[in-house]
Amino acid sequence: MQAVEFKTVIRNHAIQIPDSLHLDSGMPVKVVLLYSESPRKPVSGDADQEIAEYFGCLPYFPERGEQGNFEQRLVID
């Protein structure tokens, strides 16, 4: 077993592996995460107040401007 250390940023719940490692797709690896702060708030049984207030409400969306002039399609009978 080999160990490699590198720093990266998690994007879309994925960890980018450096190309220099030349690992094959599907190869099993062991990952150990070290981070300085808590990644999430502790989970509790109570709903997050901000989400509870927002849930079911439509946010303000400003009116959309013109989207352009598009060709008209022929009507098929």
PDB file of N, CA and C in Angstrom:
ATOM      1  N   MET A   1       0.851  -1.174   0.000  1.00  0.00           N
ATOM      2  CA  MET A   1       0.000   0.000   0.000  1.00  0.00           C
ATOM      3  C   MET A   1       0.893   1.232   0.000  1.00  0.00           C
ATOM      4  N   GLN A   2       0.511   2.242  -0.782  1.00  0.00           N
ATOM      5  CA  GLN A   2       1.265   3.486  -0.852  1.00  0.00           C
ATOM      6  C   GLN A   2       0.423   4.614  -0.274  1.00  0.00           C
ATOM      7  N   ALA A   3       1.090   5.647   0.222  1.00  0.00           N
ATOM      8  CA  ALA A   3       0.407   6.827   0.754  1.00  0.00           C
ATOM      9  C   ALA A   3       0.866   8.050  -0.027  1.00  0.00           C
ATOM     10  N   VAL A   4      -0.095   8.911  -0.376  1.00  0.00           N
ATOM     11  CA  VAL A   4       0.198  10.146  -1.094  1.00  0.00           C
ATOM     12  C   VAL A   4      -0.553  11.262  -0.386  1.00  0.00           C
ATOM     13  N   GLU A   5       0.107  12.383  -0.177  1.00  0.00           N
ATOM     14  CA  GLU A   5      -0.531  13.537   0.455  1.00  0.00           C
ATOM     15  C   GLU A   5      -0.623  14.669  -0.551  1.00  0.00           C
ATOM     16  N   PHE A   6      -1.813  15.280  -0.642  1.00  0.00           N
ATOM     17  CA  PHE A   6      -2.010  16.442  -1.512  1.00  0.00           C
ATOM     18  C   PHE A   6      -3.161  17.257  -0.956  1.00  0.00           C
ATOM     19  N   LYS A   7      -3.218  18.517  -1.339  1.00  0.00           N
ATOM     20  CA  LYS A   7      -4.305  19.400  -0.924  1.00  0.00           C
ATOM     21  C   LYS A   7      -5.214  19.640  -2.118  1.00  0.00           C
ATOM     22  N   THR A   8      -6.507  19.707  -1.845  1.00  0.00           N
ATOM     23  CA  THR A   8      -7.488  19.945  -2.896  1.00  0.00           C
ATOM     24  C   THR A   8      -8.708  20.620  -2.283  1.00  0.00           C
ATOM     25  N   VAL A   9      -9.651  20.995  -3.114  1.00  0.00           N
ATOM     26  CA  VAL A   9     -10.900  21.611  -2.683  1.00  0.00           C
ATOM     27  C   VAL A   9     -12.044  20.725  -3.155  1.00  0.00           C
ATOM     28  N   ILE A  10     -12.987  20.454  -2.271  1.00  0.00           N
ATOM     29  CA  ILE A  10     -14.146  19.635  -2.636  1.00  0.00           C
ATOM     30  C   ILE A  10     -15.088  20.483  -3.477  1.00  0.00           C
ATOM     31  N   ARG A  11     -15.459  19.988  -4.653  1.00  0.00           N
ATOM     32  CA  ARG A  11     -16.402  20.676  -5.545  1.00  0.00           C
ATOM     33  C   ARG A  11     -17.475  19.673  -5.954  1.00  0.00           C
ATOM     34  N   ASN A  12     -18.736  20.063  -5.765  1.00  0.00           N
ATOM     35  CA  ASN A  12     -19.874  19.199  -6.102  1.00  0.00           C
ATOM     36  C   ASN A  12     -19.746  17.828  -5.451  1.00  0.00           C
ATOM     37  N   HIS A  13     -19.350  17.826  -4.207  1.00  0.00           N
ATOM     38  CA  HIS A  13     -19.207  16.601  -3.416  1.00  0.00           C
ATOM     39  C   HIS A  13     -18.208  15.629  -4.032  1.00  0.00           C
ATOM     40  N   ALA A  14     -17.195  16.138  -4.725  1.00  0.00           N
ATOM     41  CA  ALA A  14     -16.178  15.288  -5.342  1.00  0.00           C
ATOM     42  C   ALA A  14     -14.794  15.824  -5.010  1.00  0.00           C
ATOM     43  N   ILE A  15     -13.837  14.928  -4.904  1.00  0.00           N
ATOM     44  CA  ILE A  15     -12.452  15.284  -4.627  1.00  0.00           C
ATOM     45  C   ILE A  15     -11.643  15.042  -5.890  1.00  0.00           C
ATOM     46  N   GLN A  16     -10.965  16.074  -6.360  1.00  0.00           N
ATOM     47  CA  GLN A  16     -10.135  15.968  -7.561  1.00  0.00           C
ATOM     48  C   GLN A  16      -8.807  15.317  -7.200  1.00  0.00           C
ATOM     49  N   ILE A  17      -8.467  14.249  -7.908  1.00  0.00           N
ATOM     50  CA  ILE A  17      -7.198  13.549  -7.703  1.00  0.00           C
ATOM     51  C   ILE A  17      -6.181  14.113  -8.693  1.00  0.00           C
ATOM     52  N   PRO A  18      -4.972  14.459  -8.249  1.00  0.00           N
ATOM     53  CA  PRO A  18      -3.970  14.990  -9.184  1.00  0.00           C
ATOM     54  C   PRO A  18      -3.685  14.013 -10.321  1.00  0.00           C
ATOM     55  N   ASP A  19      -3.541  14.537 -11.546  1.00  0.00           N
ATOM     56  CA  ASP A  19      -3.261  13.705 -12.715  1.00  0.00           C
ATOM     57  C   ASP A  19      -1.931  12.971 -12.589  1.00  0.00           C
ATOM     58  N   SER A  20      -1.024  13.511 -11.796  1.00  0.00           N
ATOM     59  CA  SER A  20       0.298  12.889 -11.661  1.00  0.00           C
ATOM     60  C   SER A  20       0.246  11.528 -10.961  1.00  0.00           C
ATOM     61  N   LEU A  21      -0.863  11.191 -10.321  1.00  0.00           N
ATOM     62  CA  LEU A  21      -0.959   9.909  -9.617  1.00  0.00           C
ATOM     63  C   LEU A  21      -1.239   8.743 -10.559  1.00  0.00           C
ATOM     64  N   HIS A  22      -1.806   8.984 -11.709  1.00  0.00           N
ATOM     65  CA  HIS A  22      -2.088   7.942 -12.708  1.00  0.00           C
ATOM     66  C   HIS A  22      -2.857   6.768 -12.106  1.00  0.00           C
ATOM     67  N   LEU A  23      -3.991   7.054 -11.454  1.00  0.00           N
ATOM     68  CA  LEU A  23      -4.828   6.005 -10.884  1.00  0.00           C
ATOM     69  C   LEU A  23      -5.870   5.586 -11.911  1.00  0.00           C
ATOM     70  N   ASP A  24      -6.139   4.302 -11.989  1.00  0.00           N
ATOM     71  CA  ASP A  24      -7.133   3.785 -12.917  1.00  0.00           C
ATOM     72  C   ASP A  24      -8.535   3.983 -12.362  1.00  0.00           C
ATOM     73  N   SER A  25      -9.495   4.217 -13.252  1.00  0.00           N
ATOM     74  CA  SER A  25     -10.889   4.342 -12.854  1.00  0.00           C
ATOM     75  C   SER A  25     -11.363   3.030 -12.242  1.00  0.00           C
ATOM     76  N   GLY A  26     -12.056   3.105 -11.140  1.00  0.00           N
ATOM     77  CA  GLY A  26     -12.549   1.912 -10.461  1.00  0.00           C
ATOM     78  C   GLY A  26     -11.569   1.319  -9.471  1.00  0.00           C
ATOM     79  N   MET A  27     -10.393   1.899  -9.355  1.00  0.00           N
ATOM     80  CA  MET A  27      -9.376   1.386  -8.436  1.00  0.00           C
ATOM     81  C   MET A  27      -9.782   1.723  -7.004  1.00  0.00           C
ATOM     82  N   PRO A  28      -9.819   0.753  -6.100  1.00  0.00           N
ATOM     83  CA  PRO A  28     -10.194   1.054  -4.724  1.00  0.00           C
ATOM     84  C   PRO A  28      -9.081   1.831  -4.015  1.00  0.00           C
ATOM     85  N   VAL A  29      -9.481   2.862  -3.256  1.00  0.00           N
ATOM     86  CA  VAL A  29      -8.540   3.671  -2.492  1.00  0.00           C
ATOM     87  C   VAL A  29      -9.122   3.907  -1.100  1.00  0.00           C
ATOM     88  N   LYS A  30      -8.262   4.246  -0.164  1.00  0.00           N
ATOM     89  CA  LYS A  30      -8.683   4.612   1.180  1.00  0.00           C
ATOM     90  C   LYS A  30      -8.453   6.102   1.332  1.00  0.00           C
ATOM     91  N   VAL A  31      -9.478   6.829   1.774  1.00  0.00           N
ATOM     92  CA  VAL A  31      -9.394   8.287   1.888  1.00  0.00           C
ATOM     93  C   VAL A  31      -9.516   8.675   3.359  1.00  0.00           C
ATOM     94  N   VAL A  32      -8.609   9.530   3.823  1.00  0.00           N
ATOM     95  CA  VAL A  32      -8.659  10.086   5.167  1.00  0.00           C
ATOM     96  C   VAL A  32      -8.772  11.597   5.006  1.00  0.00           C
ATOM     97  N   LEU A  33      -9.826  12.190   5.532  1.00  0.00           N
ATOM     98  CA  LEU A  33     -10.047  13.632   5.409  1.00  0.00           C
ATOM     99  C   LEU A  33      -9.572  14.342   6.668  1.00  0.00           C
ATOM    100  N   LEU A  34      -8.788  15.391   6.493  1.00  0.00           N
ATOM    101  CA  LEU A  34      -8.349  16.258   7.583  1.00  0.00           C
ATOM    102  C   LEU A  34      -8.827  17.663   7.261  1.00  0.00           C
ATOM    103  N   TYR A  35      -9.590  18.265   8.160  1.00  0.00           N
ATOM    104  CA  TYR A  35     -10.092  19.616   7.932  1.00  0.00           C
ATOM    105  C   TYR A  35     -10.067  20.377   9.245  1.00  0.00           C
ATOM    106  N   SER A  36     -10.005  21.709   9.134  1.00  0.00           N
ATOM    107  CA  SER A  36      -9.800  22.525  10.333  1.00  0.00           C
ATOM    108  C   SER A  36     -11.096  22.916  11.034  1.00  0.00           C
ATOM    109  N   GLU A  37     -12.207  23.018  10.329  1.00  0.00           N
ATOM    110  CA  GLU A  37     -13.455  23.404  10.971  1.00  0.00           C
ATOM    111  C   GLU A  37     -14.517  22.348  10.712  1.00  0.00           C
ATOM    112  N   SER A  38     -15.590  22.436  11.454  1.00  0.00           N
ATOM    113  CA  SER A  38     -16.683  21.491  11.293  1.00  0.00           C
ATOM    114  C   SER A  38     -17.308  21.670   9.908  1.00  0.00           C
ATOM    115  N   PRO A  39     -17.474  20.586   9.140  1.00  0.00           N
ATOM    116  CA  PRO A  39     -18.015  20.726   7.795  1.00  0.00           C
ATOM    117  C   PRO A  39     -19.486  21.107   7.771  1.00  0.00           C
ATOM    118  N   ARG A  40     -20.250  20.818   8.810  1.00  0.00           N
ATOM    119  CA  ARG A  40     -21.675  21.130   8.861  1.00  0.00           C
ATOM    120  C   ARG A  40     -22.079  21.461  10.292  1.00  0.00           C
ATOM    121  N   LYS A  41     -23.238  22.084  10.389  1.00  0.00           N
ATOM    122  CA  LYS A  41     -23.801  22.310  11.707  1.00  0.00           C
ATOM    123  C   LYS A  41     -24.228  20.967  12.287  1.00  0.00           C
ATOM    124  N   PRO A  42     -24.176  20.832  13.586  1.00  0.00           N
ATOM    125  CA  PRO A  42     -24.651  19.582  14.180  1.00  0.00           C
ATOM    126  C   PRO A  42     -26.128  19.371  13.845  1.00  0.00           C
ATOM    127  N   VAL A  43     -26.478  18.138  13.546  1.00  0.00           N
ATOM    128  CA  VAL A  43     -27.854  17.819  13.190  1.00  0.00           C
ATOM    129  C   VAL A  43     -28.689  17.736  14.444  1.00  0.00           C
ATOM    130  N   SER A  44     -29.828  18.402  14.423  1.00  0.00           N
ATOM    131  CA  SER A  44     -30.746  18.325  15.556  1.00  0.00           C
ATOM    132  C   SER A  44     -32.118  17.941  15.036  1.00  0.00           C
ATOM    133  N   GLY A  45     -33.021  17.643  15.931  1.00  0.00           N
ATOM    134  CA  GLY A  45     -34.364  17.248  15.539  1.00  0.00           C
ATOM    135  C   GLY A  45     -35.210  18.416  15.080  1.00  0.00           C
ATOM    136  N   ASP A  46     -34.801  19.652  15.389  1.00  0.00           N
ATOM    137  CA  ASP A  46     -35.586  20.827  15.019  1.00  0.00           C
ATOM    138  C   ASP A  46     -35.246  21.275  13.607  1.00  0.00           C
ATOM    139  N   ALA A  47     -36.242  21.810  12.894  1.00  0.00           N
ATOM    140  CA  ALA A  47     -36.030  22.303  11.540  1.00  0.00           C
ATOM    141  C   ALA A  47     -35.255  23.617  11.591  1.00  0.00           C
ATOM    142  N   ASP A  48     -34.412  23.848  10.606  1.00  0.00           N
ATOM    143  CA  ASP A  48     -33.687  25.105  10.490  1.00  0.00           C
ATOM    144  C   ASP A  48     -34.717  26.217  10.283  1.00  0.00           C
ATOM    145  N   GLN A  49     -34.685  27.252  11.097  1.00  0.00           N
ATOM    146  CA  GLN A  49     -35.702  28.300  11.061  1.00  0.00           C
ATOM    147  C   GLN A  49     -35.740  29.018   9.719  1.00  0.00           C
ATOM    148  N   GLU A  50     -34.582  29.295   9.117  1.00  0.00           N
ATOM    149  CA  GLU A  50     -34.548  29.970   7.820  1.00  0.00           C
ATOM    150  C   GLU A  50     -35.224  29.130   6.746  1.00  0.00           C
ATOM    151  N   ILE A  51     -34.976  27.830   6.752  1.00  0.00           N
ATOM    152  CA  ILE A  51     -35.607  26.951   5.770  1.00  0.00           C
ATOM    153  C   ILE A  51     -37.100  26.845   6.050  1.00  0.00           C
ATOM    154  N   ALA A  52     -37.481  26.763   7.310  1.00  0.00           N
ATOM    155  CA  ALA A  52     -38.895  26.657   7.655  1.00  0.00           C
ATOM    156  C   ALA A  52     -39.674  27.893   7.198  1.00  0.00           C
ATOM    157  N   GLU A  53     -39.076  29.080   7.291  1.00  0.00           N
ATOM    158  CA  GLU A  53     -39.745  30.297   6.837  1.00  0.00           C
ATOM    159  C   GLU A  53     -39.822  30.375   5.323  1.00  0.00           C
ATOM    160  N   TYR A  54     -38.809  29.874   4.636  1.00  0.00           N
ATOM    161  CA  TYR A  54     -38.742  29.966   3.172  1.00  0.00           C
ATOM    162  C   TYR A  54     -39.572  28.886   2.488  1.00  0.00           C
ATOM    163  N   PHE A  55     -39.676  27.718   3.073  1.00  0.00           N
ATOM    164  CA  PHE A  55     -40.319  26.576   2.432  1.00  0.00           C
ATOM    165  C   PHE A  55     -41.742  26.915   2.013  1.00  0.00           C
ATOM    166  N   GLY A  56     -42.052  26.688   0.759  1.00  0.00           N
ATOM    167  CA  GLY A  56     -43.394  26.933   0.249  1.00  0.00           C
ATOM    168  C   GLY A  56     -43.609  28.348  -0.228  1.00  0.00           C
ATOM    169  N   CYS A  57     -42.645  29.237  -0.080  1.00  0.00           N
ATOM    170  CA  CYS A  57     -42.782  30.620  -0.509  1.00  0.00           C
ATOM    171  C   CYS A  57     -42.065  30.811  -1.836  1.00  0.00           C
ATOM    172  N   LEU A  58     -42.678  31.582  -2.713  1.00  0.00           N
ATOM    173  CA  LEU A  58     -42.023  31.900  -3.972  1.00  0.00           C
ATOM    174  C   LEU A  58     -41.156  33.135  -3.782  1.00  0.00           C
ATOM    175  N   PRO A  59     -39.907  33.071  -4.151  1.00  0.00           N
ATOM    176  CA  PRO A  59     -39.049  34.250  -4.037  1.00  0.00           C
ATOM    177  C   PRO A  59     -39.428  35.283  -5.098  1.00  0.00           C
ATOM    178  N   TYR A  60     -38.966  36.488  -4.918  1.00  0.00           N
ATOM    179  CA  TYR A  60     -39.229  37.557  -5.882  1.00  0.00           C
ATOM    180  C   TYR A  60     -38.336  37.354  -7.098  1.00  0.00           C
ATOM    181  N   PHE A  61     -38.957  37.181  -8.248  1.00  0.00           N
ATOM    182  CA  PHE A  61     -38.233  37.097  -9.502  1.00  0.00           C
ATOM    183  C   PHE A  61     -38.622  38.313 -10.334  1.00  0.00           C
ATOM    184  N   PRO A  62     -37.659  39.169 -10.701  1.00  0.00           N
ATOM    185  CA  PRO A  62     -38.011  40.341 -11.514  1.00  0.00           C
ATOM    186  C   PRO A  62     -38.488  39.915 -12.898  1.00  0.00           C
ATOM    187  N   GLU A  63     -39.248  40.798 -13.551  1.00  0.00           N
ATOM    188  CA  GLU A  63     -39.733  40.520 -14.898  1.00  0.00           C
ATOM    189  C   GLU A  63     -38.562  40.331 -15.844  1.00  0.00           C
ATOM    190  N   ARG A  64     -38.687  39.376 -16.749  1.00  0.00           N
ATOM    191  CA  ARG A  64     -37.635  39.123 -17.726  1.00  0.00           C
ATOM    192  C   ARG A  64     -37.772  40.086 -18.894  1.00  0.00           C
ATOM    193  N   GLY A  65     -36.629  40.495 -19.398  1.00  0.00           N
ATOM    194  CA  GLY A  65     -36.626  41.361 -20.575  1.00  0.00           C
ATOM    195  C   GLY A  65     -36.864  40.551 -21.835  1.00  0.00           C
ATOM    196  N   GLU A  66     -36.792  41.217 -22.986  1.00  0.00           N
ATOM    197  CA  GLU A  66     -36.967  40.543 -24.264  1.00  0.00           C
ATOM    198  C   GLU A  66     -35.918  39.448 -24.418  1.00  0.00           C
ATOM    199  N   GLN A  67     -36.308  38.324 -24.963  1.00  0.00           N
ATOM    200  CA  GLN A  67     -35.410  37.196 -25.126  1.00  0.00           C
ATOM    201  C   GLN A  67     -34.908  37.042 -26.558  1.00  0.00           C
ATOM    202  N   GLY A  68     -35.291  37.964 -27.437  1.00  0.00           N
ATOM    203  CA  GLY A  68     -34.825  37.905 -28.821  1.00  0.00           C
ATOM    204  C   GLY A  68     -35.960  37.596 -29.777  1.00  0.00           C
ATOM    205  N   ASN A  69     -35.701  37.762 -31.067  1.00  0.00           N
ATOM    206  CA  ASN A  69     -36.691  37.459 -32.097  1.00  0.00           C
ATOM    207  C   ASN A  69     -36.331  36.122 -32.733  1.00  0.00           C
ATOM    208  N   PHE A  70     -37.229  35.186 -32.624  1.00  0.00           N
ATOM    209  CA  PHE A  70     -36.975  33.860 -33.149  1.00  0.00           C
ATOM    210  C   PHE A  70     -37.870  33.613 -34.353  1.00  0.00           C
ATOM    211  N   GLU A  71     -37.415  32.760 -35.258  1.00  0.00           N
ATOM    212  CA  GLU A  71     -38.191  32.437 -36.451  1.00  0.00           C
ATOM    213  C   GLU A  71     -39.481  31.721 -36.046  1.00  0.00           C
ATOM    214  N   GLN A  72     -40.523  31.966 -36.806  1.00  0.00           N
ATOM    215  CA  GLN A  72     -41.813  31.307 -36.547  1.00  0.00           C
ATOM    216  C   GLN A  72     -41.825  29.956 -37.250  1.00  0.00           C
ATOM    217  N   ARG A  73     -42.291  28.946 -36.579  1.00  0.00           N
ATOM    218  CA  ARG A  73     -42.385  27.622 -37.197  1.00  0.00           C
ATOM    219  C   ARG A  73     -43.681  27.519 -37.984  1.00  0.00           C
ATOM    220  N   LEU A  74     -43.643  26.686 -39.017  1.00  0.00           N
ATOM    221  CA  LEU A  74     -44.838  26.467 -39.811  1.00  0.00           C
ATOM    222  C   LEU A  74     -45.830  25.627 -39.027  1.00  0.00           C
ATOM    223  N   VAL A  75     -47.099  25.920 -39.204  1.00  0.00           N
ATOM    224  CA  VAL A  75     -48.150  25.163 -38.540  1.00  0.00           C
ATOM    225  C   VAL A  75     -48.425  23.911 -39.348  1.00  0.00           C
ATOM    226  N   ILE A  76     -48.388  22.753 -38.718  1.00  0.00           N
ATOM    227  CA  ILE A  76     -48.660  21.498 -39.402  1.00  0.00           C
ATOM    228  C   ILE A  76     -50.100  21.108 -39.110  1.00  0.00           C
ATOM    229  N   ASP A  77     -50.865  20.880 -40.169  1.00  0.00           N
ATOM    230  CA  ASP A  77     -52.292  20.505 -39.994  1.00  0.00           C
ATOM    231  C   ASP A  77     -52.445  19.055 -39.672  1.00  0.00           C
TER     232      ASP A  77
END
